[in-house]
Amino acid sequence: MSKLTDFRLLSFDVYGTLIDWETGLVNALQPVLDRNGISNLDKETILRTCQEVESVQQQKTPGMIYSDVLTTIHPELVKRLGCGPPTPEESKAFGDSVGVWPAFPDTLPGLQRLAKHYKLVLLSNVDNISFHGTHTGPLRNFPFDAVLTAQDIGCYKPDHRTFEYMLKYVKEKFGVEKEQVLQTAQSQFHDQQPCRELGIKGAWIARYGAAYGHVDEPVYDWKFATLEKMAEAVEREAVAK
């Protein structure tokens, strides 16, 4: 088993790992749920339904930008949740909500500590305009070394092409080989499992209460509850060297 300090670059998922997208998405659905008098749905039901319709849409239209994916699936999503048809304005507001989804409290402190040891690259199922809102808002213009989006790549995780694109990019840009990349992500479905299939090591940020991206048999090389817990482990290793 490698050590955490053997890696040179962390490839981060954003929404679910750095950004609390589950809270953001549920909040963005709330106006339509309220208008339809629906108050008895738990978060897991909402997110599981979203994952189902979102995955189908992403496979159907891999080149569609993420905000448009959300806008497109909104009518079907709220229908499955028991709502009547939304207005076009409501669907667009849902799609445009990505940039204001909140960061986890440990995200920025964790990134600041990890940046002392690694190149930090984002690999996200998002479009560039939505990420710009996230970057300038909740992530406070944190200076990442590179940002790679589904819009840039032309497909969505868990498609292996997403990770292959990232590996090619970081080798050309930074001279970093696959064995020096650690995929750092919450979702087993979108990140950890495809990376295991490709031979990329993974650090699982197993966010407490997360309802999205689960699989029956989780895979990972390291597991941490938060980004700051991961940073603490890296710092312990660095001191021990």
C-alpha atoms as a PDB file:
ATOM      1  CA  MET A   1       0.000   0.000   0.000  1.00  0.00           C
ATOM      2  CA  SER A   2       1.309   3.436  -0.907  1.00  0.00           C
ATOM      3  CA  LYS A   3       1.446   6.259   1.603  1.00  0.00           C
ATOM      4  CA  LEU A   4      -0.646   9.388   1.199  1.00  0.00           C
ATOM      5  CA  THR A   5       2.544  11.400   0.865  1.00  0.00           C
ATOM      6  CA  ASP A   6       3.680   9.281  -2.094  1.00  0.00           C
ATOM      7  CA  PHE A   7       1.145  11.041  -4.332  1.00  0.00           C
ATOM      8  CA  ARG A   8       1.784  14.322  -6.107  1.00  0.00           C
ATOM      9  CA  LEU A   9      -1.722  15.311  -7.181  1.00  0.00           C
ATOM     10  CA  LEU A  10      -5.258  15.132  -5.804  1.00  0.00           C
ATOM     11  CA  SER A  11      -8.084  14.949  -8.331  1.00  0.00           C
ATOM     12  CA  PHE A  12     -11.205  16.205  -6.578  1.00  0.00           C
ATOM     13  CA  ASP A  13     -14.840  15.668  -7.150  1.00  0.00           C
ATOM     14  CA  VAL A  14     -16.648  18.923  -6.339  1.00  0.00           C
ATOM     15  CA  TYR A  15     -20.377  18.465  -5.738  1.00  0.00           C
ATOM     16  CA  GLY A  16     -20.774  16.070  -2.842  1.00  0.00           C
ATOM     17  CA  THR A  17     -17.132  16.268  -1.771  1.00  0.00           C
ATOM     18  CA  LEU A  18     -16.350  19.983  -1.518  1.00  0.00           C
ATOM     19  CA  ILE A  19     -19.852  21.355  -2.013  1.00  0.00           C
ATOM     20  CA  ASP A  20     -22.907  20.186  -0.064  1.00  0.00           C
ATOM     21  CA  TRP A  21     -24.911  19.585  -3.213  1.00  0.00           C
ATOM     22  CA  GLU A  22     -27.501  17.462  -1.414  1.00  0.00           C
ATOM     23  CA  THR A  23     -28.576  20.407   0.754  1.00  0.00           C
ATOM     24  CA  GLY A  24     -28.352  22.746  -2.228  1.00  0.00           C
ATOM     25  CA  LEU A  25     -30.454  20.541  -4.475  1.00  0.00           C
ATOM     26  CA  VAL A  26     -33.147  19.865  -1.871  1.00  0.00           C
ATOM     27  CA  ASN A  27     -33.367  23.589  -1.127  1.00  0.00           C
ATOM     28  CA  ALA A  28     -33.692  24.330  -4.851  1.00  0.00           C
ATOM     29  CA  LEU A  29     -36.623  21.893  -5.098  1.00  0.00           C
ATOM     30  CA  GLN A  30     -38.392  23.336  -2.084  1.00  0.00           C
ATOM     31  CA  PRO A  31     -40.437  26.058  -3.841  1.00  0.00           C
ATOM     32  CA  VAL A  32     -42.201  23.509  -6.075  1.00  0.00           C
ATOM     33  CA  LEU A  33     -42.665  21.040  -3.220  1.00  0.00           C
ATOM     34  CA  ASP A  34     -44.161  23.810  -1.078  1.00  0.00           C
ATOM     35  CA  ARG A  35     -46.461  24.971  -3.865  1.00  0.00           C
ATOM     36  CA  ASN A  36     -47.783  21.419  -4.178  1.00  0.00           C
ATOM     37  CA  GLY A  37     -48.203  21.003  -0.431  1.00  0.00           C
ATOM     38  CA  ILE A  38     -45.634  18.189  -0.193  1.00  0.00           C
ATOM     39  CA  SER A  39     -43.804  18.119   3.130  1.00  0.00           C
ATOM     40  CA  ASN A  40     -43.414  14.426   3.956  1.00  0.00           C
ATOM     41  CA  LEU A  41     -40.512  13.472   1.660  1.00  0.00           C
ATOM     42  CA  ASP A  42     -37.186  12.518   3.216  1.00  0.00           C
ATOM     43  CA  LYS A  43     -33.909  13.628   1.706  1.00  0.00           C
ATOM     44  CA  GLU A  44     -32.920  10.111   0.660  1.00  0.00           C
ATOM     45  CA  THR A  45     -36.077   9.661  -1.419  1.00  0.00           C
ATOM     46  CA  ILE A  46     -35.567  13.007  -3.159  1.00  0.00           C
ATOM     47  CA  LEU A  47     -31.910  12.345  -3.941  1.00  0.00           C
ATOM     48  CA  ARG A  48     -32.396   8.752  -5.035  1.00  0.00           C
ATOM     49  CA  THR A  49     -35.089   9.890  -7.456  1.00  0.00           C
ATOM     50  CA  CYS A  50     -32.845  12.664  -8.728  1.00  0.00           C
ATOM     51  CA  GLN A  51     -29.977  10.237  -9.288  1.00  0.00           C
ATOM     52  CA  GLU A  52     -32.223   7.968 -11.325  1.00  0.00           C
ATOM     53  CA  VAL A  53     -33.528  10.630 -13.703  1.00  0.00           C
ATOM     54  CA  GLU A  54     -30.227  12.514 -13.871  1.00  0.00           C
ATOM     55  CA  SER A  55     -28.198   9.420 -14.805  1.00  0.00           C
ATOM     56  CA  VAL A  56     -30.601   8.561 -17.618  1.00  0.00           C
ATOM     57  CA  GLN A  57     -30.415  12.094 -18.994  1.00  0.00           C
ATOM     58  CA  GLN A  58     -26.622  12.250 -18.804  1.00  0.00           C
ATOM     59  CA  GLN A  59     -26.289   8.974 -20.690  1.00  0.00           C
ATOM     60  CA  LYS A  60     -28.812  10.153 -23.264  1.00  0.00           C
ATOM     61  CA  THR A  61     -27.189  13.578 -23.794  1.00  0.00           C
ATOM     62  CA  PRO A  62     -23.548  13.391 -22.620  1.00  0.00           C
ATOM     63  CA  GLY A  63     -22.732  16.697 -24.291  1.00  0.00           C
ATOM     64  CA  MET A  64     -25.512  18.649 -22.525  1.00  0.00           C
ATOM     65  CA  ILE A  65     -24.178  21.108 -19.942  1.00  0.00           C
ATOM     66  CA  TYR A  66     -25.100  20.306 -16.363  1.00  0.00           C
ATOM     67  CA  SER A  67     -27.348  23.287 -15.675  1.00  0.00           C
ATOM     68  CA  ASP A  68     -29.392  22.282 -18.728  1.00  0.00           C
ATOM     69  CA  VAL A  69     -29.483  18.677 -17.500  1.00  0.00           C
ATOM     70  CA  LEU A  70     -31.061  19.861 -14.262  1.00  0.00           C
ATOM     71  CA  THR A  71     -33.485  22.126 -16.084  1.00  0.00           C
ATOM     72  CA  THR A  72     -34.454  19.276 -18.418  1.00  0.00           C
ATOM     73  CA  ILE A  73     -35.021  16.667 -15.705  1.00  0.00           C
ATOM     74  CA  HIS A  74     -36.880  19.002 -13.358  1.00  0.00           C
ATOM     75  CA  PRO A  75     -40.401  18.280 -14.720  1.00  0.00           C
ATOM     76  CA  GLU A  76     -39.905  14.493 -14.536  1.00  0.00           C
ATOM     77  CA  LEU A  77     -38.209  14.731 -11.145  1.00  0.00           C
ATOM     78  CA  VAL A  78     -40.994  16.721  -9.504  1.00  0.00           C
ATOM     79  CA  LYS A  79     -43.613  14.515 -11.186  1.00  0.00           C
ATOM     80  CA  ARG A  80     -42.070  11.439  -9.570  1.00  0.00           C
ATOM     81  CA  LEU A  81     -42.092  13.285  -6.253  1.00  0.00           C
ATOM     82  CA  GLY A  82     -45.831  13.816  -6.558  1.00  0.00           C
ATOM     83  CA  CYS A  83     -45.959  17.367  -7.917  1.00  0.00           C
ATOM     84  CA  GLY A  84     -47.926  18.851 -10.772  1.00  0.00           C
ATOM     85  CA  PRO A  85     -46.124  20.274 -13.829  1.00  0.00           C
ATOM     86  CA  PRO A  86     -43.664  23.074 -12.963  1.00  0.00           C
ATOM     87  CA  THR A  87     -43.471  26.323 -14.882  1.00  0.00           C
ATOM     88  CA  PRO A  88     -40.535  26.829 -17.285  1.00  0.00           C
ATOM     89  CA  GLU A  89     -39.285  29.500 -14.902  1.00  0.00           C
ATOM     90  CA  GLU A  90     -39.262  27.054 -11.996  1.00  0.00           C
ATOM     91  CA  SER A  91     -37.320  24.485 -14.020  1.00  0.00           C
ATOM     92  CA  LYS A  92     -34.768  27.082 -15.109  1.00  0.00           C
ATOM     93  CA  ALA A  93     -34.334  28.326 -11.540  1.00  0.00           C
ATOM     94  CA  PHE A  94     -33.613  24.738 -10.480  1.00  0.00           C
ATOM     95  CA  GLY A  95     -30.988  24.371 -13.211  1.00  0.00           C
ATOM     96  CA  ASP A  96     -29.400  27.703 -12.320  1.00  0.00           C
ATOM     97  CA  SER A  97     -29.128  26.906  -8.612  1.00  0.00           C
ATOM     98  CA  VAL A  98     -25.789  25.062  -8.777  1.00  0.00           C
ATOM     99  CA  GLY A  99     -23.593  28.099  -8.201  1.00  0.00           C
ATOM    100  CA  VAL A 100     -25.159  28.865  -4.824  1.00  0.00           C
ATOM    101  CA  TRP A 101     -25.048  25.366  -3.326  1.00  0.00           C
ATOM    102  CA  PRO A 102     -23.041  25.699  -0.072  1.00  0.00           C
ATOM    103  CA  ALA A 103     -19.543  24.445   0.693  1.00  0.00           C
ATOM    104  CA  PHE A 104     -18.977  22.041   3.565  1.00  0.00           C
ATOM    105  CA  PRO A 105     -17.468  23.823   6.619  1.00  0.00           C
ATOM    106  CA  ASP A 106     -14.215  21.849   6.373  1.00  0.00           C
ATOM    107  CA  THR A 107     -13.699  22.374   2.623  1.00  0.00           C
ATOM    108  CA  LEU A 108     -11.631  25.555   2.504  1.00  0.00           C
ATOM    109  CA  PRO A 109      -9.514  24.799   5.608  1.00  0.00           C
ATOM    110  CA  GLY A 110      -8.871  21.307   4.264  1.00  0.00           C
ATOM    111  CA  LEU A 111      -7.914  22.557   0.800  1.00  0.00           C
ATOM    112  CA  GLN A 112      -5.529  25.118   2.265  1.00  0.00           C
ATOM    113  CA  ARG A 113      -3.713  22.430   4.232  1.00  0.00           C
ATOM    114  CA  LEU A 114      -3.631  19.911   1.377  1.00  0.00           C
ATOM    115  CA  ALA A 115      -2.318  22.513  -1.082  1.00  0.00           C
ATOM    116  CA  LYS A 116       0.962  22.520   0.857  1.00  0.00           C
ATOM    117  CA  HIS A 117       1.552  18.909  -0.234  1.00  0.00           C
ATOM    118  CA  TYR A 118      -0.159  18.394  -3.617  1.00  0.00           C
ATOM    119  CA  LYS A 119      -1.280  19.836  -6.902  1.00  0.00           C
ATOM    120  CA  LEU A 120      -5.059  20.224  -6.621  1.00  0.00           C
ATOM    121  CA  VAL A 121      -7.171  19.497  -9.695  1.00  0.00           C
ATOM    122  CA  LEU A 122     -10.965  19.554  -9.941  1.00  0.00           C
ATOM    123  CA  LEU A 123     -12.771  16.942 -12.042  1.00  0.00           C
ATOM    124  CA  SER A 124     -16.467  17.707 -11.987  1.00  0.00           C
ATOM    125  CA  ASN A 125     -19.760  16.748 -13.632  1.00  0.00           C
ATOM    126  CA  VAL A 126     -20.659  20.391 -14.167  1.00  0.00           C
ATOM    127  CA  ASP A 127     -20.678  23.162 -16.757  1.00  0.00           C
ATOM    128  CA  ASN A 128     -18.303  26.110 -16.717  1.00  0.00           C
ATOM    129  CA  ILE A 129     -20.862  28.821 -15.933  1.00  0.00           C
ATOM    130  CA  SER A 130     -22.267  26.900 -12.959  1.00  0.00           C
ATOM    131  CA  PHE A 131     -18.773  26.207 -11.637  1.00  0.00           C
ATOM    132  CA  HIS A 132     -17.873  29.874 -11.994  1.00  0.00           C
ATOM    133  CA  GLY A 133     -20.686  30.646  -9.558  1.00  0.00           C
ATOM    134  CA  THR A 134     -19.402  28.004  -7.160  1.00  0.00           C
ATOM    135  CA  HIS A 135     -15.788  29.139  -7.479  1.00  0.00           C
ATOM    136  CA  THR A 136     -16.433  32.839  -6.971  1.00  0.00           C
ATOM    137  CA  GLY A 137     -19.058  32.177  -4.271  1.00  0.00           C
ATOM    138  CA  PRO A 138     -18.785  29.243  -1.840  1.00  0.00           C
ATOM    139  CA  LEU A 139     -15.190  28.341  -2.812  1.00  0.00           C
ATOM    140  CA  ARG A 140     -14.024  31.975  -2.561  1.00  0.00           C
ATOM    141  CA  ASN A 141     -11.789  31.837  -5.641  1.00  0.00           C
ATOM    142  CA  PHE A 142      -9.553  29.153  -4.146  1.00  0.00           C
ATOM    143  CA  PRO A 143      -6.480  28.835  -6.420  1.00  0.00           C
ATOM    144  CA  PHE A 144      -6.810  25.324  -7.857  1.00  0.00           C
ATOM    145  CA  ASP A 145      -4.060  24.149 -10.198  1.00  0.00           C
ATOM    146  CA  ALA A 146      -6.599  23.069 -12.840  1.00  0.00           C
ATOM    147  CA  VAL A 147     -10.351  22.783 -13.317  1.00  0.00           C
ATOM    148  CA  LEU A 148     -11.732  20.099 -15.668  1.00  0.00           C
ATOM    149  CA  THR A 149     -15.491  20.029 -16.228  1.00  0.00           C
ATOM    150  CA  ALA A 150     -17.891  17.709 -18.010  1.00  0.00           C
ATOM    151  CA  GLN A 151     -18.471  20.546 -20.464  1.00  0.00           C
ATOM    152  CA  ASP A 152     -14.752  20.559 -21.323  1.00  0.00           C
ATOM    153  CA  ILE A 153     -14.529  16.771 -21.570  1.00  0.00           C
ATOM    154  CA  GLY A 154     -17.817  16.012 -23.320  1.00  0.00           C
ATOM    155  CA  CYS A 155     -19.063  13.268 -20.988  1.00  0.00           C
ATOM    156  CA  TYR A 156     -19.983  12.634 -17.380  1.00  0.00           C
ATOM    157  CA  LYS A 157     -18.553  10.499 -14.618  1.00  0.00           C
ATOM    158  CA  PRO A 158     -18.651   7.512 -14.128  1.00  0.00           C
ATOM    159  CA  ASP A 159     -17.692   7.299 -17.834  1.00  0.00           C
ATOM    160  CA  HIS A 160     -14.071   6.108 -17.936  1.00  0.00           C
ATOM    161  CA  ARG A 161     -13.290   8.709 -20.590  1.00  0.00           C
ATOM    162  CA  THR A 162     -13.614  11.412 -17.935  1.00  0.00           C
ATOM    163  CA  PHE A 163     -10.782   9.973 -15.867  1.00  0.00           C
ATOM    164  CA  GLU A 164      -8.686   9.135 -18.923  1.00  0.00           C
ATOM    165  CA  TYR A 165      -8.978  12.777 -20.006  1.00  0.00           C
ATOM    166  CA  MET A 166      -7.836  13.900 -16.548  1.00  0.00           C
ATOM    167  CA  LEU A 167      -4.852  11.526 -16.547  1.00  0.00           C
ATOM    168  CA  LYS A 168      -3.746  12.695 -19.987  1.00  0.00           C
ATOM    169  CA  TYR A 169      -4.125  16.327 -18.936  1.00  0.00           C
ATOM    170  CA  VAL A 170      -2.123  16.081 -15.706  1.00  0.00           C
ATOM    171  CA  LYS A 171       0.666  14.137 -17.386  1.00  0.00           C
ATOM    172  CA  GLU A 172       1.001  16.756 -20.126  1.00  0.00           C
ATOM    173  CA  LYS A 173       0.524  19.741 -17.786  1.00  0.00           C
ATOM    174  CA  PHE A 174       2.395  18.660 -14.651  1.00  0.00           C
ATOM    175  CA  GLY A 175       4.365  15.547 -15.607  1.00  0.00           C
ATOM    176  CA  VAL A 176       2.275  13.507 -13.138  1.00  0.00           C
ATOM    177  CA  GLU A 177       1.760   9.800 -13.821  1.00  0.00           C
ATOM    178  CA  LYS A 178      -1.361   7.798 -12.974  1.00  0.00           C
ATOM    179  CA  GLU A 179       0.371   6.194  -9.977  1.00  0.00           C
ATOM    180  CA  GLN A 180       0.892   9.686  -8.512  1.00  0.00           C
ATOM    181  CA  VAL A 181      -2.796  10.698  -8.720  1.00  0.00           C
ATOM    182  CA  LEU A 182      -5.199  10.167  -5.817  1.00  0.00           C
ATOM    183  CA  GLN A 183      -8.893  10.568  -6.675  1.00  0.00           C
ATOM    184  CA  THR A 184     -10.525  12.283  -3.707  1.00  0.00           C
ATOM    185  CA  ALA A 185     -14.298  11.992  -3.728  1.00  0.00           C
ATOM    186  CA  GLN A 186     -17.482  11.152  -1.829  1.00  0.00           C
ATOM    187  CA  SER A 187     -19.409   9.261  -4.516  1.00  0.00           C
ATOM    188  CA  GLN A 188     -18.697   5.584  -4.908  1.00  0.00           C
ATOM    189  CA  PHE A 189     -20.804   5.382  -8.064  1.00  0.00           C
ATOM    190  CA  HIS A 190     -19.322   8.389  -9.876  1.00  0.00           C
ATOM    191  CA  ASP A 191     -15.693   8.266  -8.687  1.00  0.00           C
ATOM    192  CA  GLN A 192     -14.418   5.483  -6.490  1.00  0.00           C
ATOM    193  CA  GLN A 193     -15.679   2.493  -8.469  1.00  0.00           C
ATOM    194  CA  PRO A 194     -14.648   3.689 -11.966  1.00  0.00           C
ATOM    195  CA  CYS A 195     -11.257   4.704 -10.588  1.00  0.00           C
ATOM    196  CA  ARG A 196     -10.768   1.251  -9.096  1.00  0.00           C
ATOM    197  CA  GLU A 197     -11.583  -0.219 -12.522  1.00  0.00           C
ATOM    198  CA  LEU A 198      -8.924   2.030 -14.091  1.00  0.00           C
ATOM    199  CA  GLY A 199      -6.263   1.370 -11.457  1.00  0.00           C
ATOM    200  CA  ILE A 200      -6.416   4.867  -9.925  1.00  0.00           C
ATOM    201  CA  LYS A 201      -6.032   5.003  -6.144  1.00  0.00           C
ATOM    202  CA  GLY A 202      -8.882   6.580  -4.197  1.00  0.00           C
ATOM    203  CA  ALA A 203      -9.462   8.518  -0.978  1.00  0.00           C
ATOM    204  CA  TRP A 204     -13.122   8.239  -0.014  1.00  0.00           C
ATOM    205  CA  ILE A 205     -14.515  11.303   1.759  1.00  0.00           C
ATOM    206  CA  ALA A 206     -17.430   9.481   3.388  1.00  0.00           C
ATOM    207  CA  ARG A 207     -19.600  12.451   4.277  1.00  0.00           C
ATOM    208  CA  TYR A 208     -21.853  11.743   7.257  1.00  0.00           C
ATOM    209  CA  GLY A 209     -25.479  11.441   6.210  1.00  0.00           C
ATOM    210  CA  ALA A 210     -24.752  11.474   2.480  1.00  0.00           C
ATOM    211  CA  ALA A 211     -27.573   9.789   0.600  1.00  0.00           C
ATOM    212  CA  TYR A 212     -26.178   9.930  -2.936  1.00  0.00           C
ATOM    213  CA  GLY A 213     -23.681   7.894  -4.914  1.00  0.00           C
ATOM    214  CA  HIS A 214     -23.790   4.742  -2.777  1.00  0.00           C
ATOM    215  CA  VAL A 215     -23.120   1.204  -4.012  1.00  0.00           C
ATOM    216  CA  ASP A 216     -23.558  -2.169  -2.320  1.00  0.00           C
ATOM    217  CA  GLU A 217     -19.831  -2.787  -1.850  1.00  0.00           C
ATOM    218  CA  PRO A 218     -17.753   0.382  -1.352  1.00  0.00           C
ATOM    219  CA  VAL A 219     -14.184   0.438  -2.640  1.00  0.00           C
ATOM    220  CA  TYR A 220     -11.401   2.777  -1.538  1.00  0.00           C
ATOM    221  CA  ASP A 221      -7.774   2.875  -0.500  1.00  0.00           C
ATOM    222  CA  TRP A 222      -8.250   5.452   2.278  1.00  0.00           C
ATOM    223  CA  LYS A 223     -11.411   6.603   4.039  1.00  0.00           C
ATOM    224  CA  PHE A 224     -11.961   9.891   5.858  1.00  0.00           C
ATOM    225  CA  ALA A 225     -15.042  11.568   7.317  1.00  0.00           C
ATOM    226  CA  THR A 226     -13.985  15.062   6.181  1.00  0.00           C
ATOM    227  CA  LEU A 227     -11.342  16.827   4.127  1.00  0.00           C
ATOM    228  CA  GLU A 228      -9.709  18.139   7.294  1.00  0.00           C
ATOM    229  CA  LYS A 229      -9.370  14.576   8.637  1.00  0.00           C
ATOM    230  CA  MET A 230      -7.567  13.692   5.419  1.00  0.00           C
ATOM    231  CA  ALA A 231      -5.302  16.744   5.778  1.00  0.00           C
ATOM    232  CA  GLU A 232      -4.453  15.700   9.336  1.00  0.00           C
ATOM    233  CA  ALA A 233      -3.418  12.239   8.144  1.00  0.00           C
ATOM    234  CA  VAL A 234      -1.235  13.730   5.405  1.00  0.00           C
ATOM    235  CA  GLU A 235       0.434  16.072   7.870  1.00  0.00           C
ATOM    236  CA  ARG A 236       1.155  13.218  10.288  1.00  0.00           C
ATOM    237  CA  GLU A 237       2.833  11.260   7.499  1.00  0.00           C
ATOM    238  CA  ALA A 238       4.834  14.300   6.395  1.00  0.00           C
ATOM    239  CA  VAL A 239       6.150  14.890   9.901  1.00  0.00           C
ATOM    240  CA  ALA A 240       7.092  11.233  10.301  1.00  0.00           C
ATOM    241  CA  LYS A 241       9.197  11.205   7.115  1.00  0.00           C
END
